[in-house]
Amino acid sequence: MAETASSGPNNPHAPAVCGVLLAGGQSRRMGGGDKTLRKLGDRPILQHVIDRAAPQVERLVLNANGDPNRFADVRLPVAPDVVEGFAGPLAGVLTGMEWAARHASEVTWVASFACDAPFLPTDLVARLRQAAEADGADLACAASQGRSHPVFGLWRVDLRHDLRRAMVEEEVRKVDVWTARHKLVTVDFPLEDRPDGPRDPFFNTNHPDDLAEAERLLAAG
């Protein structure tokens, strides 16, 4: 495979990409509260995600509902869902699209990152962008082990009006219902070779047991 240019801020030739960190859910499976603020090692899970996502994009915004002051330590703009009622990850994607359109007019794409995956690939955006451009796609999403991860996606900002209509007028909530209306390319990411065995780069900390496993994985590598 040909080497691709990074889509981060150090590459002036890459199309501008804005990242949105999706933290607008209610974390029921973790027992409520902000699972992204739970500690993994000596830092919150969210900080691990930021450290991996930030170098891949031009701008980064945190999509979260409620009091934004609880995220003051991360020093990022915080944008609540633009569709009320905890409408799921599509609401976070739309929030990122509309935030980018207002605050980063140079942005062509929005990359979305789930905030419970502390080991996400550091080449996620570059590979999604390369695949989208090669295929002439409107959207791209990641996959691993035969399973798609649409919350790790690349979304054309100019589709925001269509997504808003789908969410507000049709009450669409499922990601795949909306993405099926557009040209989507899926990019497979292999398991990572680790000293303690292969690891899925999209391993997430949904449950307390997952957080314990993430601690083990972090200690191992």
N, C-alpha and C. Protein backbone atom coordinates (compact mmCIF):
# COMPACT_ATOMS: atom_id res chain seq x y z
N MET A 1 0.85 -1.20 0.00
CA MET A 1 0.00 0.00 0.00
C MET A 1 0.88 1.24 0.00
N ALA A 2 0.50 2.22 -0.79
CA ALA A 2 1.29 3.45 -0.86
C ALA A 2 1.21 4.20 0.45
N GLU A 3 2.27 4.87 0.79
CA GLU A 3 2.29 5.66 2.01
C GLU A 3 1.36 6.85 1.83
N THR A 4 0.57 7.12 2.88
CA THR A 4 -0.37 8.23 2.82
C THR A 4 0.13 9.38 3.68
N ALA A 5 -0.25 10.58 3.28
CA ALA A 5 0.09 11.74 4.07
C ALA A 5 -0.81 11.80 5.28
N SER A 6 -0.27 12.30 6.37
CA SER A 6 -1.07 12.46 7.57
C SER A 6 -2.11 13.55 7.35
N SER A 7 -3.28 13.39 8.00
CA SER A 7 -4.29 14.43 7.92
C SER A 7 -4.19 15.39 9.08
N GLY A 8 -3.10 15.35 9.82
CA GLY A 8 -2.93 16.22 10.97
C GLY A 8 -2.50 17.61 10.58
N PRO A 9 -2.33 18.50 11.59
CA PRO A 9 -2.04 19.90 11.32
C PRO A 9 -0.67 20.15 10.73
N ASN A 10 0.25 19.18 10.76
CA ASN A 10 1.57 19.40 10.22
C ASN A 10 1.66 19.15 8.72
N ASN A 11 0.55 18.74 8.10
CA ASN A 11 0.57 18.47 6.66
C ASN A 11 -0.33 19.46 5.94
N PRO A 12 0.22 20.49 5.32
CA PRO A 12 -0.62 21.50 4.68
C PRO A 12 -1.33 21.00 3.43
N HIS A 13 -0.94 19.83 2.91
CA HIS A 13 -1.54 19.33 1.67
C HIS A 13 -2.76 18.44 1.92
N ALA A 14 -2.99 18.04 3.16
CA ALA A 14 -4.12 17.17 3.47
C ALA A 14 -5.40 17.98 3.61
N PRO A 15 -6.53 17.43 3.17
CA PRO A 15 -7.80 18.12 3.40
C PRO A 15 -8.02 18.33 4.89
N ALA A 16 -8.57 19.47 5.23
CA ALA A 16 -8.78 19.79 6.64
C ALA A 16 -9.82 18.85 7.24
N VAL A 17 -9.50 18.33 8.42
CA VAL A 17 -10.40 17.42 9.13
C VAL A 17 -10.58 17.95 10.55
N CYS A 18 -11.82 17.98 11.01
CA CYS A 18 -12.14 18.34 12.38
C CYS A 18 -12.54 17.06 13.11
N GLY A 19 -12.04 16.86 14.30
CA GLY A 19 -12.40 15.68 15.08
C GLY A 19 -13.47 16.00 16.10
N VAL A 20 -14.40 15.07 16.30
CA VAL A 20 -15.41 15.20 17.36
C VAL A 20 -15.33 13.99 18.25
N LEU A 21 -15.15 14.23 19.53
CA LEU A 21 -15.09 13.17 20.54
C LEU A 21 -16.50 12.93 21.06
N LEU A 22 -17.01 11.73 20.87
CA LEU A 22 -18.40 11.44 21.22
C LEU A 22 -18.51 10.99 22.67
N ALA A 23 -18.95 11.90 23.52
CA ALA A 23 -19.11 11.60 24.95
C ALA A 23 -20.50 12.04 25.43
N GLY A 24 -21.48 11.98 24.53
CA GLY A 24 -22.81 12.48 24.87
C GLY A 24 -23.75 11.44 25.44
N GLY A 25 -23.29 10.18 25.60
CA GLY A 25 -24.16 9.13 26.10
C GLY A 25 -24.31 9.16 27.60
N GLN A 26 -25.10 8.21 28.12
CA GLN A 26 -25.40 8.18 29.54
C GLN A 26 -24.62 7.11 30.31
N SER A 27 -23.81 6.32 29.61
CA SER A 27 -22.92 5.35 30.25
C SER A 27 -23.65 4.39 31.18
N ARG A 28 -24.83 3.93 30.75
CA ARG A 28 -25.61 3.05 31.62
C ARG A 28 -24.88 1.75 31.94
N ARG A 29 -24.18 1.19 30.94
CA ARG A 29 -23.52 -0.10 31.17
C ARG A 29 -22.34 0.00 32.13
N MET A 30 -21.83 1.23 32.32
CA MET A 30 -20.75 1.43 33.28
C MET A 30 -21.31 1.86 34.63
N GLY A 31 -22.65 1.95 34.71
CA GLY A 31 -23.27 2.34 35.97
C GLY A 31 -23.61 3.81 36.06
N GLY A 32 -23.59 4.50 34.93
CA GLY A 32 -23.93 5.92 34.92
C GLY A 32 -22.72 6.80 35.15
N GLY A 33 -22.93 8.12 35.08
CA GLY A 33 -21.83 9.06 35.23
C GLY A 33 -21.01 9.15 33.96
N ASP A 34 -19.87 9.80 34.06
CA ASP A 34 -18.99 9.99 32.91
C ASP A 34 -17.92 8.90 32.90
N LYS A 35 -18.15 7.84 32.13
CA LYS A 35 -17.15 6.78 32.10
C LYS A 35 -15.84 7.28 31.51
N THR A 36 -15.92 8.30 30.66
CA THR A 36 -14.69 8.82 30.05
C THR A 36 -13.78 9.49 31.07
N LEU A 37 -14.32 9.87 32.22
CA LEU A 37 -13.51 10.52 33.26
C LEU A 37 -12.97 9.52 34.28
N ARG A 38 -13.33 8.26 34.12
CA ARG A 38 -12.76 7.24 35.01
C ARG A 38 -11.29 7.05 34.69
N LYS A 39 -10.52 6.75 35.70
CA LYS A 39 -9.07 6.66 35.53
C LYS A 39 -8.68 5.34 34.87
N LEU A 40 -7.75 5.45 33.94
CA LEU A 40 -7.07 4.31 33.34
C LEU A 40 -5.59 4.60 33.51
N GLY A 41 -4.94 3.84 34.36
CA GLY A 41 -3.60 4.23 34.74
C GLY A 41 -3.69 5.48 35.60
N ASP A 42 -2.90 6.47 35.25
CA ASP A 42 -2.90 7.71 36.04
C ASP A 42 -3.67 8.84 35.36
N ARG A 43 -4.40 8.51 34.30
CA ARG A 43 -5.13 9.55 33.56
C ARG A 43 -6.55 9.09 33.25
N PRO A 44 -7.47 10.02 33.03
CA PRO A 44 -8.82 9.62 32.61
C PRO A 44 -8.79 8.92 31.25
N ILE A 45 -9.74 8.06 31.02
CA ILE A 45 -9.86 7.40 29.72
C ILE A 45 -9.89 8.44 28.61
N LEU A 46 -10.63 9.52 28.83
CA LEU A 46 -10.75 10.58 27.83
C LEU A 46 -9.39 11.12 27.40
N GLN A 47 -8.47 11.27 28.34
CA GLN A 47 -7.17 11.83 27.98
C GLN A 47 -6.39 10.87 27.09
N HIS A 48 -6.53 9.57 27.31
CA HIS A 48 -5.88 8.61 26.43
C HIS A 48 -6.40 8.75 25.00
N VAL A 49 -7.74 8.95 24.88
CA VAL A 49 -8.35 9.11 23.56
C VAL A 49 -7.87 10.40 22.90
N ILE A 50 -7.84 11.48 23.66
CA ILE A 50 -7.38 12.76 23.13
C ILE A 50 -5.94 12.66 22.63
N ASP A 51 -5.09 12.01 23.39
CA ASP A 51 -3.68 11.89 23.01
C ASP A 51 -3.52 11.19 21.67
N ARG A 52 -4.42 10.27 21.35
CA ARG A 52 -4.33 9.54 20.09
C ARG A 52 -5.07 10.25 18.96
N ALA A 53 -6.14 10.95 19.29
CA ALA A 53 -6.96 11.59 18.25
C ALA A 53 -6.42 12.96 17.82
N ALA A 54 -5.95 13.74 18.76
CA ALA A 54 -5.58 15.13 18.46
C ALA A 54 -4.55 15.28 17.35
N PRO A 55 -3.49 14.45 17.31
CA PRO A 55 -2.50 14.64 16.23
C PRO A 55 -3.03 14.30 14.84
N GLN A 56 -4.21 13.69 14.76
CA GLN A 56 -4.74 13.25 13.47
C GLN A 56 -5.63 14.29 12.80
N VAL A 57 -5.98 15.36 13.52
CA VAL A 57 -6.96 16.31 13.00
C VAL A 57 -6.47 17.74 13.17
N GLU A 58 -7.16 18.65 12.46
CA GLU A 58 -6.82 20.07 12.56
C GLU A 58 -7.40 20.71 13.82
N ARG A 59 -8.64 20.36 14.11
CA ARG A 59 -9.35 20.89 15.27
C ARG A 59 -10.02 19.73 15.99
N LEU A 60 -10.30 19.91 17.29
CA LEU A 60 -10.92 18.85 18.07
C LEU A 60 -11.95 19.47 18.99
N VAL A 61 -13.16 18.90 18.99
CA VAL A 61 -14.24 19.37 19.85
C VAL A 61 -14.81 18.18 20.60
N LEU A 62 -15.22 18.43 21.83
CA LEU A 62 -15.79 17.38 22.67
C LEU A 62 -17.31 17.51 22.67
N ASN A 63 -18.00 16.48 22.23
CA ASN A 63 -19.47 16.45 22.26
C ASN A 63 -19.90 15.82 23.59
N ALA A 64 -20.46 16.63 24.47
CA ALA A 64 -20.91 16.14 25.77
C ALA A 64 -22.07 17.00 26.26
N ASN A 65 -23.00 16.36 26.96
CA ASN A 65 -24.16 17.06 27.50
C ASN A 65 -23.95 17.35 28.99
N GLY A 66 -24.75 18.26 29.53
CA GLY A 66 -24.62 18.61 30.94
C GLY A 66 -23.60 19.72 31.16
N ASP A 67 -23.15 19.83 32.40
CA ASP A 67 -22.23 20.90 32.80
C ASP A 67 -20.87 20.72 32.12
N PRO A 68 -20.47 21.65 31.27
CA PRO A 68 -19.19 21.50 30.56
C PRO A 68 -17.98 21.68 31.47
N ASN A 69 -18.18 22.27 32.65
CA ASN A 69 -17.05 22.55 33.54
C ASN A 69 -16.36 21.28 34.03
N ARG A 70 -17.06 20.16 34.00
CA ARG A 70 -16.42 18.93 34.47
C ARG A 70 -15.33 18.46 33.52
N PHE A 71 -15.30 19.05 32.33
CA PHE A 71 -14.25 18.72 31.36
C PHE A 71 -13.21 19.83 31.23
N ALA A 72 -13.16 20.71 32.21
CA ALA A 72 -12.27 21.87 32.11
C ALA A 72 -10.81 21.47 31.94
N ASP A 73 -10.42 20.35 32.53
CA ASP A 73 -9.01 19.95 32.49
C ASP A 73 -8.53 19.59 31.09
N VAL A 74 -9.44 19.20 30.20
CA VAL A 74 -8.99 18.78 28.86
C VAL A 74 -8.79 19.97 27.92
N ARG A 75 -9.30 21.12 28.30
CA ARG A 75 -9.07 22.36 27.56
C ARG A 75 -9.48 22.25 26.09
N LEU A 76 -10.68 21.73 25.88
CA LEU A 76 -11.25 21.64 24.55
C LEU A 76 -12.61 22.32 24.54
N PRO A 77 -13.05 22.86 23.40
CA PRO A 77 -14.43 23.34 23.33
C PRO A 77 -15.39 22.18 23.53
N VAL A 78 -16.46 22.43 24.26
CA VAL A 78 -17.47 21.40 24.55
C VAL A 78 -18.78 21.81 23.87
N ALA A 79 -19.34 20.91 23.08
CA ALA A 79 -20.57 21.18 22.33
C ALA A 79 -21.62 20.13 22.71
N PRO A 80 -22.75 20.53 23.28
CA PRO A 80 -23.81 19.57 23.59
C PRO A 80 -24.54 19.15 22.33
N ASP A 81 -25.26 18.03 22.42
CA ASP A 81 -26.04 17.55 21.28
C ASP A 81 -26.94 18.64 20.72
N VAL A 82 -26.96 18.77 19.40
CA VAL A 82 -27.85 19.75 18.76
C VAL A 82 -29.25 19.17 18.56
N VAL A 83 -29.42 17.87 18.81
CA VAL A 83 -30.73 17.23 18.83
C VAL A 83 -30.96 16.73 20.24
N GLU A 84 -32.04 17.14 20.86
CA GLU A 84 -32.27 16.82 22.27
C GLU A 84 -32.72 15.38 22.48
N GLY A 85 -32.62 14.96 23.74
CA GLY A 85 -33.18 13.67 24.13
C GLY A 85 -32.22 12.51 24.07
N PHE A 86 -30.90 12.77 24.17
CA PHE A 86 -29.90 11.70 24.10
C PHE A 86 -30.18 10.81 22.89
N ALA A 87 -30.07 11.42 21.72
CA ALA A 87 -30.47 10.78 20.46
C ALA A 87 -29.42 9.85 19.87
N GLY A 88 -28.36 9.54 20.62
CA GLY A 88 -27.39 8.57 20.15
C GLY A 88 -26.22 9.18 19.39
N PRO A 89 -25.35 8.32 18.86
CA PRO A 89 -24.13 8.81 18.22
C PRO A 89 -24.36 9.69 17.00
N LEU A 90 -25.47 9.48 16.28
CA LEU A 90 -25.73 10.36 15.13
C LEU A 90 -25.88 11.81 15.57
N ALA A 91 -26.44 12.02 16.76
CA ALA A 91 -26.56 13.38 17.27
C ALA A 91 -25.19 13.99 17.52
N GLY A 92 -24.26 13.17 18.00
CA GLY A 92 -22.91 13.65 18.22
C GLY A 92 -22.20 13.96 16.91
N VAL A 93 -22.42 13.12 15.91
CA VAL A 93 -21.83 13.37 14.60
C VAL A 93 -22.38 14.67 14.01
N LEU A 94 -23.69 14.85 14.08
CA LEU A 94 -24.30 16.08 13.58
C LEU A 94 -23.78 17.29 14.34
N THR A 95 -23.63 17.16 15.63
CA THR A 95 -23.07 18.24 16.44
C THR A 95 -21.68 18.62 15.95
N GLY A 96 -20.86 17.61 15.68
CA GLY A 96 -19.51 17.87 15.17
C GLY A 96 -19.54 18.54 13.82
N MET A 97 -20.43 18.08 12.93
CA MET A 97 -20.54 18.68 11.60
C MET A 97 -20.92 20.16 11.69
N GLU A 98 -21.95 20.45 12.51
CA GLU A 98 -22.43 21.82 12.60
C GLU A 98 -21.43 22.72 13.33
N TRP A 99 -20.73 22.16 14.32
CA TRP A 99 -19.70 22.93 15.00
C TRP A 99 -18.59 23.28 14.01
N ALA A 100 -18.18 22.32 13.21
CA ALA A 100 -17.12 22.56 12.23
C ALA A 100 -17.54 23.61 11.21
N ALA A 101 -18.79 23.53 10.75
CA ALA A 101 -19.27 24.50 9.76
C ALA A 101 -19.24 25.93 10.31
N ARG A 102 -19.48 26.07 11.62
CA ARG A 102 -19.50 27.40 12.25
C ARG A 102 -18.11 27.89 12.62
N HIS A 103 -17.27 27.00 13.11
CA HIS A 103 -16.01 27.42 13.72
C HIS A 103 -14.76 27.07 12.91
N ALA A 104 -14.91 26.24 11.89
CA ALA A 104 -13.75 25.82 11.10
C ALA A 104 -14.19 25.67 9.65
N SER A 105 -14.40 26.80 8.99
CA SER A 105 -14.98 26.78 7.65
C SER A 105 -14.09 26.09 6.63
N GLU A 106 -12.79 25.92 6.96
CA GLU A 106 -11.88 25.26 6.02
C GLU A 106 -12.04 23.74 6.05
N VAL A 107 -12.79 23.23 7.00
CA VAL A 107 -12.90 21.79 7.19
C VAL A 107 -13.80 21.16 6.14
N THR A 108 -13.33 20.07 5.56
CA THR A 108 -14.08 19.30 4.57
C THR A 108 -14.74 18.07 5.20
N TRP A 109 -14.03 17.48 6.15
CA TRP A 109 -14.48 16.25 6.78
C TRP A 109 -14.55 16.41 8.30
N VAL A 110 -15.42 15.63 8.92
CA VAL A 110 -15.42 15.47 10.38
C VAL A 110 -15.10 14.01 10.68
N ALA A 111 -14.15 13.80 11.55
CA ALA A 111 -13.82 12.45 12.02
C ALA A 111 -14.41 12.27 13.42
N SER A 112 -15.09 11.17 13.63
CA SER A 112 -15.69 10.91 14.94
C SER A 112 -14.92 9.83 15.67
N PHE A 113 -14.80 10.02 16.98
CA PHE A 113 -14.08 9.08 17.84
C PHE A 113 -14.94 8.76 19.06
N ALA A 114 -15.12 7.49 19.35
CA ALA A 114 -15.77 7.11 20.61
C ALA A 114 -14.79 7.38 21.75
N CYS A 115 -15.30 7.84 22.88
CA CYS A 115 -14.44 8.23 23.99
C CYS A 115 -14.20 7.10 24.98
N ASP A 116 -14.57 5.87 24.61
CA ASP A 116 -14.34 4.75 25.52
C ASP A 116 -13.36 3.74 24.93
N ALA A 117 -12.60 4.16 23.91
CA ALA A 117 -11.65 3.27 23.23
C ALA A 117 -10.25 3.85 23.37
N PRO A 118 -9.56 3.57 24.47
CA PRO A 118 -8.29 4.24 24.75
C PRO A 118 -7.12 3.80 23.90
N PHE A 119 -7.30 2.75 23.08
CA PHE A 119 -6.20 2.26 22.26
C PHE A 119 -6.47 2.44 20.76
N LEU A 120 -7.32 3.38 20.40
CA LEU A 120 -7.72 3.58 19.01
C LEU A 120 -6.51 3.82 18.11
N PRO A 121 -6.60 3.43 16.82
CA PRO A 121 -5.43 3.53 15.92
C PRO A 121 -4.97 4.97 15.73
N THR A 122 -3.67 5.15 15.71
CA THR A 122 -3.12 6.48 15.48
C THR A 122 -3.11 6.87 14.01
N ASP A 123 -3.43 5.91 13.13
CA ASP A 123 -3.54 6.22 11.71
C ASP A 123 -4.98 6.12 11.22
N LEU A 124 -5.92 6.21 12.15
CA LEU A 124 -7.35 6.04 11.82
C LEU A 124 -7.81 7.02 10.75
N VAL A 125 -7.59 8.31 10.97
CA VAL A 125 -8.11 9.32 10.06
C VAL A 125 -7.43 9.22 8.69
N ALA A 126 -6.12 9.02 8.68
CA ALA A 126 -5.40 8.94 7.40
C ALA A 126 -5.92 7.78 6.56
N ARG A 127 -6.16 6.64 7.18
CA ARG A 127 -6.63 5.47 6.42
C ARG A 127 -8.07 5.64 5.97
N LEU A 128 -8.93 6.21 6.82
CA LEU A 128 -10.31 6.45 6.41
C LEU A 128 -10.37 7.46 5.27
N ARG A 129 -9.57 8.51 5.35
CA ARG A 129 -9.58 9.54 4.30
C ARG A 129 -9.07 8.97 2.98
N GLN A 130 -8.00 8.20 3.06
CA GLN A 130 -7.46 7.60 1.84
C GLN A 130 -8.50 6.72 1.17
N ALA A 131 -9.20 5.91 1.95
CA ALA A 131 -10.21 5.00 1.39
C ALA A 131 -11.38 5.78 0.81
N ALA A 132 -11.82 6.82 1.51
CA ALA A 132 -12.95 7.61 1.03
C ALA A 132 -12.61 8.30 -0.29
N GLU A 133 -11.42 8.86 -0.38
CA GLU A 133 -11.03 9.56 -1.60
C GLU A 133 -10.83 8.58 -2.76
N ALA A 134 -10.24 7.42 -2.47
CA ALA A 134 -9.99 6.43 -3.52
C ALA A 134 -11.29 5.89 -4.09
N ASP A 135 -12.31 5.79 -3.24
CA ASP A 135 -13.58 5.20 -3.64
C ASP A 135 -14.62 6.26 -4.03
N GLY A 136 -14.27 7.52 -3.88
CA GLY A 136 -15.24 8.58 -4.13
C GLY A 136 -16.42 8.51 -3.19
N ALA A 137 -16.16 8.11 -1.94
CA ALA A 137 -17.23 7.89 -0.97
C ALA A 137 -17.59 9.17 -0.22
N ASP A 138 -18.81 9.19 0.30
CA ASP A 138 -19.28 10.30 1.13
C ASP A 138 -18.89 10.11 2.59
N LEU A 139 -18.72 8.84 2.97
CA LEU A 139 -18.50 8.48 4.37
C LEU A 139 -17.53 7.31 4.42
N ALA A 140 -16.86 7.17 5.55
CA ALA A 140 -16.01 6.00 5.77
C ALA A 140 -16.14 5.60 7.23
N CYS A 141 -16.08 4.30 7.48
CA CYS A 141 -16.09 3.86 8.87
C CYS A 141 -15.08 2.73 9.05
N ALA A 142 -14.68 2.53 10.30
CA ALA A 142 -13.70 1.51 10.63
C ALA A 142 -14.38 0.18 10.92
N ALA A 143 -13.58 -0.89 10.81
CA ALA A 143 -14.05 -2.23 11.15
C ALA A 143 -12.86 -3.03 11.67
N SER A 144 -13.17 -4.06 12.46
CA SER A 144 -12.15 -5.00 12.92
C SER A 144 -12.82 -6.32 13.25
N GLN A 145 -12.15 -7.40 13.01
CA GLN A 145 -12.65 -8.74 13.30
C GLN A 145 -14.05 -8.99 12.71
N GLY A 146 -14.28 -8.45 11.51
CA GLY A 146 -15.56 -8.66 10.85
C GLY A 146 -16.70 -7.83 11.41
N ARG A 147 -16.40 -6.87 12.22
CA ARG A 147 -17.44 -6.04 12.85
C ARG A 147 -17.17 -4.57 12.55
N SER A 148 -18.19 -3.85 12.10
CA SER A 148 -18.01 -2.44 11.79
C SER A 148 -18.12 -1.60 13.05
N HIS A 149 -17.44 -0.46 13.03
CA HIS A 149 -17.45 0.48 14.16
C HIS A 149 -17.82 1.86 13.61
N PRO A 150 -19.10 2.10 13.34
CA PRO A 150 -19.49 3.34 12.67
C PRO A 150 -19.24 4.60 13.48
N VAL A 151 -19.07 4.46 14.81
CA VAL A 151 -18.76 5.67 15.59
C VAL A 151 -17.34 6.15 15.34
N PHE A 152 -16.50 5.28 14.77
CA PHE A 152 -15.18 5.70 14.31
C PHE A 152 -15.31 5.93 12.81
N GLY A 153 -15.68 7.14 12.44
CA GLY A 153 -16.02 7.40 11.06
C GLY A 153 -15.49 8.71 10.54
N LEU A 154 -15.61 8.87 9.24
CA LEU A 154 -15.25 10.10 8.54
C LEU A 154 -16.48 10.53 7.76
N TRP A 155 -16.91 11.78 7.97
CA TRP A 155 -18.20 12.26 7.47
C TRP A 155 -18.01 13.58 6.74
N ARG A 156 -18.57 13.66 5.53
CA ARG A 156 -18.49 14.92 4.79
C ARG A 156 -19.34 15.98 5.47
N VAL A 157 -18.73 17.13 5.74
CA VAL A 157 -19.43 18.20 6.46
C VAL A 157 -20.65 18.69 5.69
N ASP A 158 -20.59 18.66 4.35
CA ASP A 158 -21.72 19.19 3.58
C ASP A 158 -22.95 18.27 3.60
N LEU A 159 -22.86 17.14 4.29
CA LEU A 159 -24.03 16.27 4.45
C LEU A 159 -24.80 16.60 5.72
N ARG A 160 -24.39 17.64 6.43
CA ARG A 160 -25.02 17.95 7.71
C ARG A 160 -26.50 18.31 7.57
N HIS A 161 -26.87 18.97 6.48
CA HIS A 161 -28.28 19.35 6.31
C HIS A 161 -29.14 18.11 6.11
N ASP A 162 -28.63 17.16 5.35
CA ASP A 162 -29.37 15.92 5.12
C ASP A 162 -29.51 15.14 6.43
N LEU A 163 -28.44 15.09 7.21
CA LEU A 163 -28.51 14.37 8.49
C LEU A 163 -29.47 15.05 9.45
N ARG A 164 -29.46 16.38 9.50
CA ARG A 164 -30.40 17.07 10.40
C ARG A 164 -31.84 16.79 10.00
N ARG A 165 -32.14 16.82 8.70
CA ARG A 165 -33.50 16.51 8.27
C ARG A 165 -33.89 15.09 8.67
N ALA A 166 -32.97 14.15 8.48
CA ALA A 166 -33.27 12.76 8.82
C ALA A 166 -33.55 12.61 10.31
N MET A 167 -32.78 13.30 11.15
CA MET A 167 -32.95 13.16 12.59
C MET A 167 -34.18 13.90 13.12
N VAL A 168 -34.40 15.09 12.60
CA VAL A 168 -35.49 15.93 13.14
C VAL A 168 -36.83 15.58 12.50
N GLU A 169 -36.86 15.44 11.18
CA GLU A 169 -38.14 15.22 10.50
C GLU A 169 -38.53 13.75 10.44
N GLU A 170 -37.55 12.86 10.34
CA GLU A 170 -37.85 11.43 10.24
C GLU A 170 -37.55 10.66 11.53
N GLU A 171 -36.92 11.34 12.48
CA GLU A 171 -36.53 10.73 13.75
C GLU A 171 -35.62 9.50 13.57
N VAL A 172 -34.75 9.58 12.57
CA VAL A 172 -33.76 8.53 12.36
C VAL A 172 -32.75 8.56 13.52
N ARG A 173 -32.48 7.40 14.09
CA ARG A 173 -31.53 7.31 15.19
C ARG A 173 -30.43 6.29 14.94
N LYS A 174 -30.69 5.28 14.13
CA LYS A 174 -29.70 4.25 13.87
C LYS A 174 -28.70 4.72 12.81
N VAL A 175 -27.43 4.58 13.12
CA VAL A 175 -26.39 5.06 12.22
C VAL A 175 -26.51 4.42 10.85
N ASP A 176 -26.69 3.08 10.81
CA ASP A 176 -26.68 2.40 9.51
C ASP A 176 -27.90 2.73 8.65
N VAL A 177 -28.99 3.19 9.27
CA VAL A 177 -30.17 3.61 8.49
C VAL A 177 -29.82 4.84 7.66
N TRP A 178 -29.10 5.77 8.28
CA TRP A 178 -28.75 6.99 7.54
C TRP A 178 -27.59 6.77 6.59
N THR A 179 -26.55 6.05 7.03
CA THR A 179 -25.39 5.87 6.15
C THR A 179 -25.74 5.07 4.90
N ALA A 180 -26.80 4.25 4.97
CA ALA A 180 -27.21 3.46 3.80
C ALA A 180 -27.69 4.35 2.67
N ARG A 181 -27.99 5.60 2.95
CA ARG A 181 -28.48 6.53 1.92
C ARG A 181 -27.32 7.17 1.15
N HIS A 182 -26.10 6.93 1.59
CA HIS A 182 -24.94 7.58 0.99
C HIS A 182 -23.88 6.53 0.67
N LYS A 183 -22.88 6.93 -0.07
CA LYS A 183 -21.81 6.00 -0.44
C LYS A 183 -20.83 5.87 0.72
N LEU A 184 -20.79 4.68 1.28
CA LEU A 184 -19.98 4.40 2.45
C LEU A 184 -18.90 3.38 2.11
N VAL A 185 -17.68 3.63 2.57
CA VAL A 185 -16.61 2.66 2.44
C VAL A 185 -16.18 2.24 3.85
N THR A 186 -15.94 0.95 4.02
CA THR A 186 -15.53 0.41 5.32
C THR A 186 -14.07 -0.01 5.25
N VAL A 187 -13.31 0.39 6.24
CA VAL A 187 -11.87 0.13 6.28
C VAL A 187 -11.58 -0.83 7.43
N ASP A 188 -10.97 -1.96 7.10
CA ASP A 188 -10.68 -2.96 8.12
C ASP A 188 -9.32 -2.69 8.76
N PHE A 189 -9.29 -2.75 10.07
CA PHE A 189 -8.06 -2.57 10.83
C PHE A 189 -7.69 -3.91 11.48
N PRO A 190 -6.48 -4.38 11.27
CA PRO A 190 -6.08 -5.68 11.83
C PRO A 190 -5.86 -5.60 13.33
N LEU A 191 -5.84 -6.76 13.96
CA LEU A 191 -5.46 -6.82 15.36
C LEU A 191 -4.01 -6.39 15.51
N GLU A 192 -3.70 -5.76 16.62
CA GLU A 192 -2.33 -5.33 16.89
C GLU A 192 -1.57 -6.45 17.57
N ASP A 193 -0.35 -6.68 17.10
CA ASP A 193 0.52 -7.66 17.76
C ASP A 193 1.11 -7.04 19.02
N ARG A 194 0.85 -7.69 20.15
CA ARG A 194 1.32 -7.20 21.44
C ARG A 194 2.10 -8.30 22.15
N PRO A 195 2.98 -7.94 23.08
CA PRO A 195 3.71 -8.97 23.82
C PRO A 195 2.80 -9.95 24.55
N ASP A 196 1.62 -9.47 24.96
CA ASP A 196 0.69 -10.33 25.70
C ASP A 196 -0.39 -10.93 24.80
N GLY A 197 -0.21 -10.81 23.47
CA GLY A 197 -1.19 -11.37 22.55
C GLY A 197 -1.84 -10.29 21.70
N PRO A 198 -2.58 -10.68 20.66
CA PRO A 198 -3.21 -9.69 19.76
C PRO A 198 -4.28 -8.87 20.48
N ARG A 199 -4.41 -7.61 20.06
CA ARG A 199 -5.37 -6.71 20.69
C ARG A 199 -6.17 -5.99 19.62
N ASP A 200 -7.48 -5.93 19.82
CA ASP A 200 -8.34 -5.16 18.93
C ASP A 200 -8.13 -3.68 19.24
N PRO A 201 -7.74 -2.87 18.24
CA PRO A 201 -7.50 -1.45 18.52
C PRO A 201 -8.75 -0.68 18.93
N PHE A 202 -9.93 -1.30 18.71
CA PHE A 202 -11.17 -0.63 19.09
C PHE A 202 -11.77 -1.22 20.38
N PHE A 203 -10.94 -1.90 21.15
CA PHE A 203 -11.37 -2.39 22.46
C PHE A 203 -11.96 -1.22 23.24
N ASN A 204 -13.16 -1.42 23.79
CA ASN A 204 -13.79 -0.31 24.52
C ASN A 204 -14.11 -0.68 25.97
N THR A 205 -14.24 0.35 26.76
CA THR A 205 -14.46 0.19 28.21
C THR A 205 -15.92 0.48 28.54
N ASN A 206 -16.80 -0.41 28.10
CA ASN A 206 -18.23 -0.23 28.34
C ASN A 206 -18.65 -0.64 29.74
N HIS A 207 -18.00 -1.68 30.29
CA HIS A 207 -18.38 -2.25 31.57
C HIS A 207 -17.21 -2.14 32.55
N PRO A 208 -17.49 -2.25 33.85
CA PRO A 208 -16.38 -2.24 34.82
C PRO A 208 -15.34 -3.31 34.54
N ASP A 209 -15.76 -4.51 34.08
CA ASP A 209 -14.79 -5.56 33.75
C ASP A 209 -13.88 -5.14 32.60
N ASP A 210 -14.44 -4.36 31.65
CA ASP A 210 -13.63 -3.88 30.52
C ASP A 210 -12.55 -2.92 31.01
N LEU A 211 -12.90 -2.10 31.99
CA LEU A 211 -11.92 -1.16 32.52
C LEU A 211 -10.78 -1.91 33.20
N ALA A 212 -11.11 -2.97 33.90
CA ALA A 212 -10.07 -3.79 34.52
C ALA A 212 -9.17 -4.42 33.46
N GLU A 213 -9.77 -4.89 32.36
CA GLU A 213 -8.98 -5.46 31.27
C GLU A 213 -8.12 -4.39 30.61
N ALA A 214 -8.64 -3.18 30.47
CA ALA A 214 -7.86 -2.09 29.90
C ALA A 214 -6.65 -1.77 30.77
N GLU A 215 -6.83 -1.85 32.08
CA GLU A 215 -5.69 -1.64 32.99
C GLU A 215 -4.62 -2.69 32.74
N ARG A 216 -5.05 -3.95 32.55
CA ARG A 216 -4.10 -5.01 32.28
C ARG A 216 -3.36 -4.77 30.96
N LEU A 217 -4.13 -4.39 29.92
CA LEU A 217 -3.52 -4.13 28.63
C LEU A 217 -2.54 -2.96 28.68
N LEU A 218 -2.91 -1.93 29.43
CA LEU A 218 -2.03 -0.77 29.55
C LEU A 218 -0.73 -1.15 30.27
N ALA A 219 -0.85 -1.94 31.31
CA ALA A 219 0.33 -2.37 32.06
C ALA A 219 1.24 -3.26 31.21
N ALA A 220 0.62 -4.03 30.30
CA ALA A 220 1.39 -4.95 29.47
C ALA A 220 2.15 -4.25 28.35
N GLY A 221 1.74 -3.01 28.03
CA GLY A 221 2.40 -2.39 26.88
C GLY A 221 2.63 -0.93 27.01
